[in-house]
Amino acid sequence: MFPFKLQVVSIPVKANFRGIRNREIALFEGPAGWSEFSSFTEYSNKESSTWLKAAIESATKEPPTPIRNEVQINATLPNVKVSEVKELLAGFEGCSTIKIKINDFETDQALLIECLKEVPKAKFRLDVNGGWALEEAIANVQSYETAFGSLIEYIEQPCTDFADLNSLRNNTGIKIAVDESIRKYLAGDLTRIKEVADIAIIKWAPTGGISAALEVIEKIDLPVVISSALDSSVGISHGLSLAAAVPNLYGACGLGTVSLLVGDVTSNSLLPTNGIIKNHKVTPDRIEEFKAESGRQKWWQDRANAIYEGGLF
């Protein structure tokens, strides 16, 4: 039996993010404070076990000593209509680096143009989530490079195949970042990442927690961006603790995504101000406001019990 009682919330999202209308998050309190278990509902118990491991660690162990007391933040823009850009960017006050979920150049160049109207000195990070085959990737990346040049910091996970990533990297001057190539293959040879990428995207929960993430970062030995998975401020606080401890941080981090939620579990949310967030321990004093119905409470508790009792981590 999982040793903690979960309190599950369901928070509406502002825009289409992975097809989610409401973000379900299971919260619990341990001796080191509050934590969250929030692997996406379609994930298997095996994949979700890494998230639960992270949650337990942050509830029971204090974070490492920080080497910085504030973290720069990038704005995060889902693949939305151009008309939604202004409202969503308003939630990322002072953030001049913008990460955008994209499908292709023809469809989504308009999002970058609209962002530049709102943030004239913006730099971009384009996230493809492994959606391109090599030929498609080369064409799209070259088009973005021609149109926007040095405004693009990197393309995140343009392909999934290592050989394709390597070929693409040899056909563009834009840096390549990887996310899925790391977190979906944590048991593999992570030293190979340097062969195909310039930047590593690391997330606190899918990597198995702060300690595990720091070990992965050391193995990969690349500049790092810490990102989130649409967490509440509880999860963001642990992502910020990780970012604060990473020696080779690559600029702004994707830890401002509470702005993409309609509400939060706390009245003292971790949101960017002047493009940065200063971390603090989060007390979720708004659980009742977003509390999920009893059937969802049971579903999450059963899920945690099955993972914990099944010895999946």
Protein backbone atom coordinates (compact mmCIF):
# COMPACT_ATOMS: atom_id res chain seq x y z
CA MET A 1 0.00 0.00 0.00
CA PHE A 2 1.32 3.43 -0.93
CA PRO A 3 2.17 5.06 2.42
CA PHE A 4 0.67 8.48 1.64
CA LYS A 5 -2.94 9.57 1.15
CA LEU A 6 -3.32 11.42 -2.13
CA GLN A 7 -5.41 14.54 -2.61
CA VAL A 8 -6.29 14.87 -6.28
CA VAL A 9 -7.10 18.11 -8.06
CA SER A 10 -8.39 18.75 -11.57
CA ILE A 11 -7.41 22.16 -12.95
CA PRO A 12 -8.63 23.45 -16.34
CA VAL A 13 -5.94 24.48 -18.83
CA LYS A 14 -6.03 27.74 -20.78
CA ALA A 15 -5.17 26.29 -24.19
CA ASN A 16 -4.91 22.94 -25.92
CA PHE A 17 -1.87 21.25 -24.39
CA ARG A 18 -1.46 17.60 -25.42
CA GLY A 19 -5.24 17.48 -25.89
CA ILE A 20 -5.76 17.99 -22.15
CA ARG A 21 -8.70 20.09 -20.96
CA ASN A 22 -8.16 19.49 -17.25
CA ARG A 23 -4.81 18.71 -15.62
CA GLU A 24 -5.17 16.06 -12.93
CA ILE A 25 -2.54 16.18 -10.18
CA ALA A 26 -2.22 14.01 -7.08
CA LEU A 27 -0.70 15.78 -4.07
CA PHE A 28 0.62 14.39 -0.81
CA GLU A 29 2.65 15.61 2.15
CA GLY A 30 5.74 13.93 3.57
CA PRO A 31 8.32 14.83 6.22
CA ALA A 32 10.14 17.16 3.80
CA GLY A 33 6.97 18.89 2.60
CA TRP A 34 4.41 18.62 -0.19
CA SER A 35 5.00 16.74 -3.42
CA GLU A 36 2.99 15.80 -6.50
CA PHE A 37 2.52 12.69 -8.58
CA SER A 38 1.15 13.76 -11.96
CA SER A 39 2.18 11.40 -14.75
CA PHE A 40 -0.29 11.80 -17.59
CA THR A 41 -3.31 9.54 -17.27
CA GLU A 42 -2.58 7.57 -20.46
CA TYR A 43 0.90 6.55 -19.21
CA SER A 44 1.42 2.95 -18.13
CA ASN A 45 2.22 2.08 -14.53
CA LYS A 46 5.77 1.24 -15.57
CA GLU A 47 6.37 4.68 -17.12
CA SER A 48 4.53 6.38 -14.26
CA SER A 49 6.72 4.64 -11.68
CA THR A 50 9.56 7.07 -12.46
CA TRP A 51 7.25 9.98 -11.66
CA LEU A 52 6.17 8.38 -8.39
CA LYS A 53 9.80 7.80 -7.42
CA ALA A 54 10.46 11.51 -7.96
CA ALA A 55 7.43 12.48 -5.92
CA ILE A 56 8.42 10.28 -2.98
CA GLU A 57 11.97 11.64 -2.95
CA SER A 58 10.80 15.26 -2.85
CA ALA A 59 8.30 14.50 -0.08
CA THR A 60 10.87 12.75 2.10
CA LYS A 61 14.27 14.38 1.37
CA GLU A 62 15.40 17.98 1.41
CA PRO A 63 16.70 19.32 -1.94
CA PRO A 64 20.43 19.84 -2.54
CA THR A 65 22.14 23.09 -1.63
CA PRO A 66 21.41 25.62 -4.40
CA ILE A 67 24.16 27.36 -6.34
CA ARG A 68 21.75 30.10 -7.53
CA ASN A 69 18.79 31.68 -5.76
CA GLU A 70 16.73 32.54 -8.82
CA VAL A 71 16.06 30.86 -12.16
CA GLN A 72 15.49 32.52 -15.52
CA ILE A 73 12.27 31.36 -17.18
CA ASN A 74 11.17 30.92 -20.77
CA ALA A 75 7.59 31.45 -21.88
CA THR A 76 5.88 28.27 -23.09
CA LEU A 77 3.40 28.51 -25.94
CA PRO A 78 1.34 25.48 -26.98
CA ASN A 79 0.46 25.07 -30.65
CA VAL A 80 -2.41 27.56 -30.58
CA LYS A 81 -4.20 29.97 -32.89
CA VAL A 82 -2.37 33.22 -33.59
CA SER A 83 -5.25 35.07 -31.91
CA GLU A 84 -4.41 33.35 -28.59
CA VAL A 85 -0.73 34.32 -28.50
CA LYS A 86 -1.07 37.71 -26.81
CA GLU A 87 -3.19 36.46 -23.92
CA LEU A 88 -0.99 33.45 -23.23
CA LEU A 89 2.30 35.40 -23.36
CA ALA A 90 0.86 37.85 -20.83
CA GLY A 91 1.20 35.12 -18.21
CA PHE A 92 4.98 35.04 -18.64
CA GLU A 93 5.87 38.51 -17.43
CA GLY A 94 9.33 39.62 -18.47
CA CYS A 95 10.20 36.38 -20.32
CA SER A 96 12.07 37.15 -23.54
CA THR A 97 12.78 33.53 -24.53
CA ILE A 98 9.75 31.71 -25.95
CA LYS A 99 9.36 27.96 -26.41
CA ILE A 100 6.73 27.09 -29.02
CA LYS A 101 5.21 23.73 -29.88
CA ILE A 102 5.30 23.49 -33.67
CA ASN A 103 4.16 21.17 -36.45
CA ASP A 104 5.84 22.63 -39.54
CA PHE A 105 7.20 25.86 -41.00
CA GLU A 106 4.31 26.73 -43.32
CA THR A 107 1.69 26.42 -40.61
CA ASP A 108 3.54 27.79 -37.61
CA GLN A 109 5.85 30.57 -38.79
CA ALA A 110 2.90 32.89 -38.10
CA LEU A 111 3.20 32.08 -34.38
CA LEU A 112 6.78 33.35 -34.31
CA ILE A 113 5.82 36.50 -36.20
CA GLU A 114 3.00 37.18 -33.75
CA CYS A 115 5.31 36.60 -30.77
CA LEU A 116 7.73 39.20 -32.14
CA LYS A 117 4.89 41.75 -32.15
CA GLU A 118 4.43 41.15 -28.42
CA VAL A 119 8.09 40.58 -27.49
CA PRO A 120 10.22 42.35 -30.15
CA LYS A 121 13.53 41.00 -28.85
CA ALA A 122 12.31 37.43 -28.40
CA LYS A 123 14.49 34.37 -28.85
CA PHE A 124 12.80 31.11 -29.80
CA ARG A 125 12.99 27.45 -28.87
CA LEU A 126 10.96 25.26 -31.21
CA ASP A 127 9.63 21.96 -29.84
CA VAL A 128 8.67 19.26 -32.34
CA ASN A 129 8.22 16.33 -29.90
CA GLY A 130 9.95 13.99 -32.37
CA GLY A 131 7.33 14.61 -35.04
CA TRP A 132 9.53 14.84 -38.15
CA ALA A 133 11.17 12.30 -40.42
CA LEU A 134 14.66 13.31 -41.55
CA GLU A 135 13.78 14.82 -44.94
CA GLU A 136 10.91 16.77 -43.42
CA ALA A 137 13.14 17.93 -40.56
CA ILE A 138 15.87 19.23 -42.86
CA ALA A 139 13.35 21.19 -44.96
CA ASN A 140 11.58 22.71 -41.96
CA VAL A 141 14.73 23.58 -40.03
CA GLN A 142 16.34 25.20 -43.05
CA SER A 143 13.19 27.28 -43.62
CA TYR A 144 13.14 28.44 -40.00
CA GLU A 145 16.85 29.20 -40.17
CA THR A 146 16.42 31.27 -43.34
CA ALA A 147 13.40 33.19 -41.99
CA PHE A 148 14.46 33.76 -38.38
CA GLY A 149 18.20 33.07 -38.25
CA SER A 150 19.86 33.75 -34.90
CA LEU A 151 16.50 34.34 -33.21
CA ILE A 152 16.18 30.55 -32.87
CA GLU A 153 18.17 29.20 -29.93
CA TYR A 154 17.47 25.56 -30.67
CA ILE A 155 15.09 22.98 -32.14
CA GLU A 156 13.90 20.51 -29.51
CA GLN A 157 13.54 16.84 -30.44
CA PRO A 158 12.97 17.32 -34.20
CA CYS A 159 13.39 13.55 -34.81
CA THR A 160 13.52 10.47 -32.61
CA ASP A 161 16.04 8.30 -34.47
CA PHE A 162 19.64 8.94 -33.43
CA ALA A 163 20.96 8.62 -36.98
CA ASP A 164 18.39 11.16 -38.18
CA LEU A 165 19.31 13.57 -35.39
CA ASN A 166 22.97 13.26 -36.31
CA SER A 167 22.27 13.88 -40.02
CA LEU A 168 20.08 16.89 -39.23
CA ARG A 169 22.71 18.33 -36.94
CA ASN A 170 25.17 18.20 -39.86
CA ASN A 171 22.71 20.07 -42.10
CA THR A 172 21.95 23.11 -39.94
CA GLY A 173 23.65 25.75 -37.86
CA ILE A 174 20.80 25.69 -35.34
CA LYS A 175 21.47 23.83 -32.10
CA ILE A 176 19.63 20.55 -31.48
CA ALA A 177 18.10 19.81 -28.07
CA VAL A 178 16.69 16.46 -26.97
CA ASP A 179 14.04 15.55 -24.41
CA GLU A 180 12.32 12.26 -25.30
CA SER A 181 15.67 10.79 -26.40
CA ILE A 182 16.73 11.09 -22.75
CA ARG A 183 13.70 10.43 -20.58
CA LYS A 184 12.37 7.50 -22.59
CA TYR A 185 15.76 5.76 -22.57
CA LEU A 186 17.04 6.37 -19.05
CA ALA A 187 18.36 2.80 -18.85
CA GLY A 188 20.37 3.19 -22.06
CA ASP A 189 23.82 4.61 -22.78
CA LEU A 190 23.20 8.30 -22.15
CA THR A 191 26.78 9.19 -23.01
CA ARG A 192 25.73 8.81 -26.67
CA ILE A 193 23.50 11.89 -26.41
CA LYS A 194 26.51 14.12 -27.03
CA GLU A 195 26.86 12.55 -30.48
CA VAL A 196 23.49 13.86 -31.67
CA ALA A 197 22.60 16.90 -29.55
CA ASP A 198 23.92 20.19 -28.21
CA ILE A 199 21.53 20.67 -25.29
CA ALA A 200 19.77 18.30 -22.86
CA ILE A 201 16.19 18.96 -21.72
CA ILE A 202 15.61 17.47 -18.27
CA LYS A 203 12.36 17.26 -16.31
CA TRP A 204 12.23 16.62 -12.58
CA ALA A 205 9.46 14.02 -12.44
CA PRO A 206 9.96 11.96 -15.65
CA THR A 207 13.66 11.58 -14.80
CA GLY A 208 12.93 10.06 -11.40
CA GLY A 209 13.59 12.99 -9.09
CA ILE A 210 16.31 15.51 -8.32
CA SER A 211 19.04 13.01 -7.37
CA ALA A 212 18.44 10.87 -10.45
CA ALA A 213 18.31 13.94 -12.69
CA LEU A 214 21.64 15.24 -11.41
CA GLU A 215 23.20 11.83 -12.14
CA VAL A 216 21.76 11.85 -15.67
CA ILE A 217 23.01 15.39 -16.24
CA GLU A 218 26.51 14.37 -15.17
CA LYS A 219 26.48 11.39 -17.56
CA ILE A 220 25.26 13.39 -20.54
CA ASP A 221 27.70 16.26 -19.92
CA LEU A 222 25.86 18.84 -22.03
CA PRO A 223 24.37 22.26 -21.25
CA VAL A 224 20.99 21.70 -19.60
CA VAL A 225 17.53 23.27 -19.64
CA ILE A 226 15.20 22.19 -16.85
CA SER A 227 11.60 21.95 -17.99
CA SER A 228 8.24 20.90 -16.56
CA ALA A 229 5.29 18.72 -17.48
CA LEU A 230 2.42 21.13 -16.79
CA ASP A 231 2.92 20.83 -13.04
CA SER A 232 1.22 22.74 -10.27
CA SER A 233 3.39 25.06 -8.18
CA VAL A 234 4.20 22.06 -5.97
CA GLY A 235 5.91 20.26 -8.84
CA ILE A 236 7.41 23.47 -10.16
CA SER A 237 9.07 24.06 -6.78
CA HIS A 238 10.92 20.76 -7.16
CA GLY A 239 11.88 21.58 -10.74
CA LEU A 240 13.26 24.90 -9.49
CA SER A 241 15.24 23.10 -6.78
CA LEU A 242 16.79 20.97 -9.51
CA ALA A 243 17.53 24.01 -11.71
CA ALA A 244 19.10 25.79 -8.76
CA ALA A 245 21.56 22.92 -8.30
CA VAL A 246 22.59 22.34 -11.93
CA PRO A 247 26.09 23.69 -12.67
CA ASN A 248 25.80 23.73 -16.48
CA LEU A 249 22.44 25.44 -16.96
CA TYR A 250 21.73 26.73 -20.47
CA GLY A 251 19.89 30.00 -19.92
CA ALA A 252 16.17 30.17 -19.22
CA CYS A 253 14.20 27.14 -18.03
CA GLY A 254 10.70 25.95 -18.89
CA LEU A 255 9.35 26.24 -15.37
CA GLY A 256 6.71 28.93 -15.81
CA THR A 257 3.94 26.63 -16.97
CA VAL A 258 1.61 27.30 -14.03
CA SER A 259 0.67 30.24 -16.28
CA LEU A 260 -0.98 27.75 -18.66
CA LEU A 261 -3.39 26.58 -15.95
CA VAL A 262 -6.64 28.39 -15.12
CA GLY A 263 -5.81 28.08 -11.42
CA ASP A 264 -3.29 26.60 -9.01
CA VAL A 265 -3.23 24.56 -5.81
CA THR A 266 -1.74 27.47 -3.85
CA SER A 267 -2.50 31.15 -3.36
CA ASN A 268 1.26 31.84 -3.55
CA SER A 269 1.94 30.52 -7.06
CA LEU A 270 5.38 30.17 -8.59
CA LEU A 271 5.00 32.47 -11.59
CA PRO A 272 7.66 34.48 -13.45
CA THR A 273 8.26 38.11 -12.51
CA ASN A 274 10.73 40.08 -14.62
CA GLY A 275 11.52 36.81 -16.37
CA ILE A 276 12.66 34.94 -13.24
CA ILE A 277 11.23 32.83 -10.43
CA LYS A 278 12.60 32.71 -6.90
CA ASN A 279 11.74 29.36 -5.37
CA HIS A 280 9.93 28.73 -2.11
CA LYS A 281 8.29 25.76 -0.45
CA VAL A 282 4.69 25.50 -1.53
CA THR A 283 1.72 24.89 0.74
CA PRO A 284 -1.32 23.87 -1.33
CA ASP A 285 -4.07 25.87 0.36
CA ARG A 286 -6.49 25.73 -2.60
CA ILE A 287 -6.97 21.96 -2.91
CA GLU A 288 -10.68 22.11 -2.06
CA GLU A 289 -11.26 24.64 -4.84
CA PHE A 290 -10.07 22.21 -7.51
CA LYS A 291 -10.70 18.88 -5.79
CA ALA A 292 -11.45 16.06 -8.24
CA GLU A 293 -14.56 13.93 -7.79
CA SER A 294 -14.37 10.80 -5.65
CA GLY A 295 -13.97 8.39 -8.56
CA ARG A 296 -10.82 10.18 -9.70
CA GLN A 297 -9.50 10.27 -6.14
CA LYS A 298 -9.82 6.49 -5.99
CA TRP A 299 -8.30 6.01 -9.48
CA TRP A 300 -5.12 7.88 -8.52
CA GLN A 301 -4.79 6.17 -5.13
CA ASP A 302 -5.23 2.76 -6.79
CA ARG A 303 -2.64 3.73 -9.40
CA ALA A 304 -0.09 4.72 -6.76
CA ASN A 305 -0.83 1.55 -4.77
CA ALA A 306 -0.33 -0.68 -7.83
CA ILE A 307 2.98 0.95 -8.74
CA TYR A 308 4.26 0.90 -5.15
CA GLU A 309 3.18 -2.68 -4.42
CA GLY A 310 4.39 -3.89 -7.81
CA GLY A 311 7.96 -2.90 -7.02
CA LEU A 312 8.27 -1.00 -10.29
CA PHE A 313 11.04 1.25 -8.95
